[in-house]
Amino acid sequence: MASFFRIFNAIVLWAIVIRFLPKHSFKRYLPVTLFCSSLLLIQALLNLIFKWWTVKGGVKYMVFDALAFIFGPFFTINMWVFHFTYGKFSLYAVCNLIMDLIFAFPLNALFQKIEHYKFKKFNSTIIFLIFYTLALLNYGFQTLFEQPNTSKGSDLKSSE
């Protein structure tokens, strides 16, 4: 049942993105979303070594869960947050603060209660700090990614 929910959740969220998110926003925020998704994927792979959390069913389910979360709700919600808040850092920071608090505390407690996963060396505070730090890192990445490269233009002018 949990696997069905994960797949259904990812499909519904992607359908909403494909249908309603403007194509220019998808293209604009794809690099930052892939960047942060890659960081979460690395964290999930490191979990195989450090055993920060466990998932019922073993490694196969842990990998499936990580991929379903990263490329489902995390990926799609990240796109929407950037679409609605980028360029307004305060709004972006508050929006992520609220979402990360909700995920780290009530949702995390719910997921552990229904035995979706179980923290071994992590806790809700660590998850909140990781996710909020990633959100701030994302904003910085997007800001740097969108900066025009002025050094090329000045190099060309000085060589003329």
C-alpha atoms as a PDB file:
ATOM      1  CA  MET A   1       0.000   0.000   0.000  1.00  0.00           C
ATOM      2  CA  ALA A   2       2.821   2.431   0.875  1.00  0.00           C
ATOM      3  CA  SER A   3       4.497   1.830  -2.496  1.00  0.00           C
ATOM      4  CA  PHE A   4       1.230   2.545  -4.293  1.00  0.00           C
ATOM      5  CA  PHE A   5       0.869   5.804  -2.348  1.00  0.00           C
ATOM      6  CA  ARG A   6       4.439   6.867  -3.213  1.00  0.00           C
ATOM      7  CA  ILE A   7       3.974   6.174  -6.922  1.00  0.00           C
ATOM      8  CA  PHE A   8       0.508   7.769  -7.001  1.00  0.00           C
ATOM      9  CA  ASN A   9       1.814  10.814  -5.114  1.00  0.00           C
ATOM     10  CA  ALA A  10       4.704  11.287  -7.548  1.00  0.00           C
ATOM     11  CA  ILE A  11       2.462  10.861 -10.605  1.00  0.00           C
ATOM     12  CA  VAL A  12      -0.129  13.345  -9.330  1.00  0.00           C
ATOM     13  CA  LEU A  13       2.494  15.931  -8.389  1.00  0.00           C
ATOM     14  CA  TRP A  14       4.251  15.598 -11.761  1.00  0.00           C
ATOM     15  CA  ALA A  15       0.934  15.831 -13.608  1.00  0.00           C
ATOM     16  CA  ILE A  16       0.208  19.095 -11.791  1.00  0.00           C
ATOM     17  CA  VAL A  17       3.666  20.459 -12.649  1.00  0.00           C
ATOM     18  CA  ILE A  18       3.365  19.453 -16.308  1.00  0.00           C
ATOM     19  CA  ARG A  19      -0.135  20.863 -16.608  1.00  0.00           C
ATOM     20  CA  PHE A  20       0.146  24.113 -14.616  1.00  0.00           C
ATOM     21  CA  LEU A  21       3.759  25.193 -14.141  1.00  0.00           C
ATOM     22  CA  PRO A  22       4.790  27.511 -16.983  1.00  0.00           C
ATOM     23  CA  LYS A  23       7.436  25.935 -19.224  1.00  0.00           C
ATOM     24  CA  HIS A  24       9.792  28.887 -18.748  1.00  0.00           C
ATOM     25  CA  SER A  25       9.671  28.360 -14.959  1.00  0.00           C
ATOM     26  CA  PHE A  26      10.382  24.660 -15.387  1.00  0.00           C
ATOM     27  CA  LYS A  27      13.422  25.405 -17.570  1.00  0.00           C
ATOM     28  CA  ARG A  28      14.572  28.249 -15.319  1.00  0.00           C
ATOM     29  CA  TYR A  29      14.426  26.262 -12.068  1.00  0.00           C
ATOM     30  CA  LEU A  30      15.400  22.826 -13.385  1.00  0.00           C
ATOM     31  CA  PRO A  31      19.147  23.296 -12.697  1.00  0.00           C
ATOM     32  CA  VAL A  32      18.679  24.301  -9.042  1.00  0.00           C
ATOM     33  CA  THR A  33      16.155  21.537  -8.477  1.00  0.00           C
ATOM     34  CA  LEU A  34      18.508  18.947  -9.986  1.00  0.00           C
ATOM     35  CA  PHE A  35      21.368  20.370  -7.907  1.00  0.00           C
ATOM     36  CA  CYS A  36      19.515  19.967  -4.618  1.00  0.00           C
ATOM     37  CA  SER A  37      17.991  16.638  -5.635  1.00  0.00           C
ATOM     38  CA  SER A  38      21.531  15.407  -6.262  1.00  0.00           C
ATOM     39  CA  LEU A  39      22.569  16.510  -2.773  1.00  0.00           C
ATOM     40  CA  LEU A  40      19.650  14.602  -1.253  1.00  0.00           C
ATOM     41  CA  LEU A  41      20.499  11.572  -3.356  1.00  0.00           C
ATOM     42  CA  ILE A  42      24.074  11.686  -2.038  1.00  0.00           C
ATOM     43  CA  GLN A  43      22.695  11.898   1.503  1.00  0.00           C
ATOM     44  CA  ALA A  44      20.487   8.865   0.832  1.00  0.00           C
ATOM     45  CA  LEU A  45      23.476   6.931  -0.534  1.00  0.00           C
ATOM     46  CA  LEU A  46      25.577   7.917   2.471  1.00  0.00           C
ATOM     47  CA  ASN A  47      22.785   6.550   4.654  1.00  0.00           C
ATOM     48  CA  LEU A  48      23.649   3.100   3.307  1.00  0.00           C
ATOM     49  CA  ILE A  49      27.064   3.514   4.963  1.00  0.00           C
ATOM     50  CA  PHE A  50      26.233   5.513   8.102  1.00  0.00           C
ATOM     51  CA  LYS A  51      22.756   4.065   8.787  1.00  0.00           C
ATOM     52  CA  TRP A  52      21.140   7.351   9.819  1.00  0.00           C
ATOM     53  CA  TRP A  53      17.673   5.842   9.285  1.00  0.00           C
ATOM     54  CA  THR A  54      16.139   2.524   8.316  1.00  0.00           C
ATOM     55  CA  VAL A  55      13.238   1.656   6.063  1.00  0.00           C
ATOM     56  CA  LYS A  56      11.016  -1.354   6.540  1.00  0.00           C
ATOM     57  CA  GLY A  57      11.912  -3.894   3.851  1.00  0.00           C
ATOM     58  CA  GLY A  58      15.648  -3.225   3.687  1.00  0.00           C
ATOM     59  CA  VAL A  59      17.963  -1.531   1.214  1.00  0.00           C
ATOM     60  CA  LYS A  60      15.742  -2.072  -1.835  1.00  0.00           C
ATOM     61  CA  TYR A  61      12.863  -0.207  -0.213  1.00  0.00           C
ATOM     62  CA  MET A  62      15.199   2.447   1.177  1.00  0.00           C
ATOM     63  CA  VAL A  63      16.464   3.229  -2.332  1.00  0.00           C
ATOM     64  CA  PHE A  64      12.941   3.170  -3.772  1.00  0.00           C
ATOM     65  CA  ASP A  65      11.690   5.484  -1.004  1.00  0.00           C
ATOM     66  CA  ALA A  66      14.561   7.919  -1.496  1.00  0.00           C
ATOM     67  CA  LEU A  67      14.004   8.103  -5.253  1.00  0.00           C
ATOM     68  CA  ALA A  68      10.230   8.420  -4.849  1.00  0.00           C
ATOM     69  CA  PHE A  69      10.612  11.259  -2.328  1.00  0.00           C
ATOM     70  CA  ILE A  70      13.431  13.115  -4.087  1.00  0.00           C
ATOM     71  CA  PHE A  71      11.978  12.977  -7.592  1.00  0.00           C
ATOM     72  CA  GLY A  72       8.363  13.167  -6.442  1.00  0.00           C
ATOM     73  CA  PRO A  73       7.289  15.649  -3.765  1.00  0.00           C
ATOM     74  CA  PHE A  74      10.692  17.225  -3.135  1.00  0.00           C
ATOM     75  CA  PHE A  75      11.420  17.927  -6.804  1.00  0.00           C
ATOM     76  CA  THR A  76       7.972  19.196  -7.724  1.00  0.00           C
ATOM     77  CA  ILE A  77       7.424  21.289  -4.600  1.00  0.00           C
ATOM     78  CA  ASN A  78      10.875  22.844  -5.045  1.00  0.00           C
ATOM     79  CA  MET A  79       9.843  23.934  -8.550  1.00  0.00           C
ATOM     80  CA  TRP A  80       6.644  25.542  -7.271  1.00  0.00           C
ATOM     81  CA  VAL A  81       8.360  27.330  -4.387  1.00  0.00           C
ATOM     82  CA  PHE A  82      10.912  28.860  -6.744  1.00  0.00           C
ATOM     83  CA  HIS A  83       8.192  29.780  -9.237  1.00  0.00           C
ATOM     84  CA  PHE A  84       6.200  31.703  -6.625  1.00  0.00           C
ATOM     85  CA  THR A  85       8.967  33.133  -4.430  1.00  0.00           C
ATOM     86  CA  TYR A  86      12.225  33.557  -6.342  1.00  0.00           C
ATOM     87  CA  GLY A  87      13.381  37.168  -6.319  1.00  0.00           C
ATOM     88  CA  LYS A  88      11.676  37.701  -2.953  1.00  0.00           C
ATOM     89  CA  PHE A  89      14.174  36.192  -0.526  1.00  0.00           C
ATOM     90  CA  SER A  90      12.157  36.933   2.622  1.00  0.00           C
ATOM     91  CA  LEU A  91       9.106  35.174   1.202  1.00  0.00           C
ATOM     92  CA  TYR A  92      11.272  32.255   0.029  1.00  0.00           C
ATOM     93  CA  ALA A  93      12.911  31.959   3.465  1.00  0.00           C
ATOM     94  CA  VAL A  94       9.602  32.076   5.369  1.00  0.00           C
ATOM     95  CA  CYS A  95       7.910  29.647   2.975  1.00  0.00           C
ATOM     96  CA  ASN A  96      10.762  27.154   3.357  1.00  0.00           C
ATOM     97  CA  LEU A  97      10.883  27.685   7.107  1.00  0.00           C
ATOM     98  CA  ILE A  98       7.210  26.760   7.424  1.00  0.00           C
ATOM     99  CA  MET A  99       7.388  23.799   5.031  1.00  0.00           C
ATOM    100  CA  ASP A 100      10.575  22.430   6.587  1.00  0.00           C
ATOM    101  CA  LEU A 101       9.145  22.747  10.108  1.00  0.00           C
ATOM    102  CA  ILE A 102       5.990  20.909   9.024  1.00  0.00           C
ATOM    103  CA  PHE A 103       8.012  18.167   7.341  1.00  0.00           C
ATOM    104  CA  ALA A 104      10.570  17.798  10.143  1.00  0.00           C
ATOM    105  CA  PHE A 105       8.162  17.671  13.033  1.00  0.00           C
ATOM    106  CA  PRO A 106       4.516  16.599  12.477  1.00  0.00           C
ATOM    107  CA  LEU A 107       5.043  14.760   9.169  1.00  0.00           C
ATOM    108  CA  ASN A 108       8.250  13.103  10.319  1.00  0.00           C
ATOM    109  CA  ALA A 109       6.522  11.943  13.509  1.00  0.00           C
ATOM    110  CA  LEU A 110       3.625  10.588  11.444  1.00  0.00           C
ATOM    111  CA  PHE A 111       5.913   8.751   8.997  1.00  0.00           C
ATOM    112  CA  GLN A 112       7.810   7.143  11.862  1.00  0.00           C
ATOM    113  CA  LYS A 113       4.600   6.266  13.702  1.00  0.00           C
ATOM    114  CA  ILE A 114       3.221   4.429  10.675  1.00  0.00           C
ATOM    115  CA  GLU A 115       6.652   2.785  10.370  1.00  0.00           C
ATOM    116  CA  HIS A 116       7.439   4.258   6.976  1.00  0.00           C
ATOM    117  CA  TYR A 117      10.994   4.787   8.238  1.00  0.00           C
ATOM    118  CA  LYS A 118      12.771   4.966  11.560  1.00  0.00           C
ATOM    119  CA  PHE A 119      15.542   7.381  12.520  1.00  0.00           C
ATOM    120  CA  LYS A 120      18.612   5.812  14.081  1.00  0.00           C
ATOM    121  CA  LYS A 121      21.102   8.688  14.234  1.00  0.00           C
ATOM    122  CA  PHE A 122      18.927  11.562  13.017  1.00  0.00           C
ATOM    123  CA  ASN A 123      16.108  13.390  14.720  1.00  0.00           C
ATOM    124  CA  SER A 124      13.540  15.986  13.700  1.00  0.00           C
ATOM    125  CA  THR A 125      15.799  18.909  14.546  1.00  0.00           C
ATOM    126  CA  ILE A 126      18.632  17.565  12.380  1.00  0.00           C
ATOM    127  CA  ILE A 127      16.216  16.977   9.482  1.00  0.00           C
ATOM    128  CA  PHE A 128      14.890  20.516   9.824  1.00  0.00           C
ATOM    129  CA  LEU A 129      18.411  21.978   9.871  1.00  0.00           C
ATOM    130  CA  ILE A 130      19.479  19.924   6.843  1.00  0.00           C
ATOM    131  CA  PHE A 131      16.420  20.838   4.789  1.00  0.00           C
ATOM    132  CA  TYR A 132      16.462  24.521   5.709  1.00  0.00           C
ATOM    133  CA  THR A 133      20.196  24.752   4.999  1.00  0.00           C
ATOM    134  CA  LEU A 134      19.572  23.101   1.618  1.00  0.00           C
ATOM    135  CA  ALA A 135      16.833  25.654   0.911  1.00  0.00           C
ATOM    136  CA  LEU A 136      19.215  28.538   1.591  1.00  0.00           C
ATOM    137  CA  LEU A 137      21.938  26.854  -0.452  1.00  0.00           C
ATOM    138  CA  ASN A 138      19.426  26.433  -3.280  1.00  0.00           C
ATOM    139  CA  TYR A 139      18.614  30.124  -3.289  1.00  0.00           C
ATOM    140  CA  GLY A 140      22.303  30.990  -3.440  1.00  0.00           C
ATOM    141  CA  PHE A 141      22.831  28.493  -6.253  1.00  0.00           C
ATOM    142  CA  GLN A 142      19.967  29.956  -8.273  1.00  0.00           C
ATOM    143  CA  THR A 143      21.204  33.503  -7.701  1.00  0.00           C
ATOM    144  CA  LEU A 144      24.718  32.607  -8.876  1.00  0.00           C
ATOM    145  CA  PHE A 145      23.345  30.541 -11.760  1.00  0.00           C
ATOM    146  CA  GLU A 146      21.318  33.484 -13.062  1.00  0.00           C
ATOM    147  CA  GLN A 147      24.073  36.091 -12.741  1.00  0.00           C
ATOM    148  CA  PRO A 148      25.268  37.234 -16.127  1.00  0.00           C
ATOM    149  CA  ASN A 149      28.888  36.382 -16.736  1.00  0.00           C
ATOM    150  CA  THR A 150      30.364  39.867 -16.970  1.00  0.00           C
ATOM    151  CA  SER A 151      33.983  38.746 -16.984  1.00  0.00           C
ATOM    152  CA  LYS A 152      33.745  37.499 -20.589  1.00  0.00           C
ATOM    153  CA  GLY A 153      32.422  40.838 -21.784  1.00  0.00           C
ATOM    154  CA  SER A 154      35.129  42.812 -19.975  1.00  0.00           C
ATOM    155  CA  ASP A 155      37.820  40.458 -21.337  1.00  0.00           C
ATOM    156  CA  LEU A 156      36.605  41.063 -24.873  1.00  0.00           C
ATOM    157  CA  LYS A 157      36.588  44.829 -24.445  1.00  0.00           C
ATOM    158  CA  SER A 158      40.070  44.919 -22.966  1.00  0.00           C
ATOM    159  CA  SER A 159      41.518  42.840 -25.826  1.00  0.00           C
ATOM    160  CA  GLU A 160      40.147  45.154 -28.529  1.00  0.00           C
END
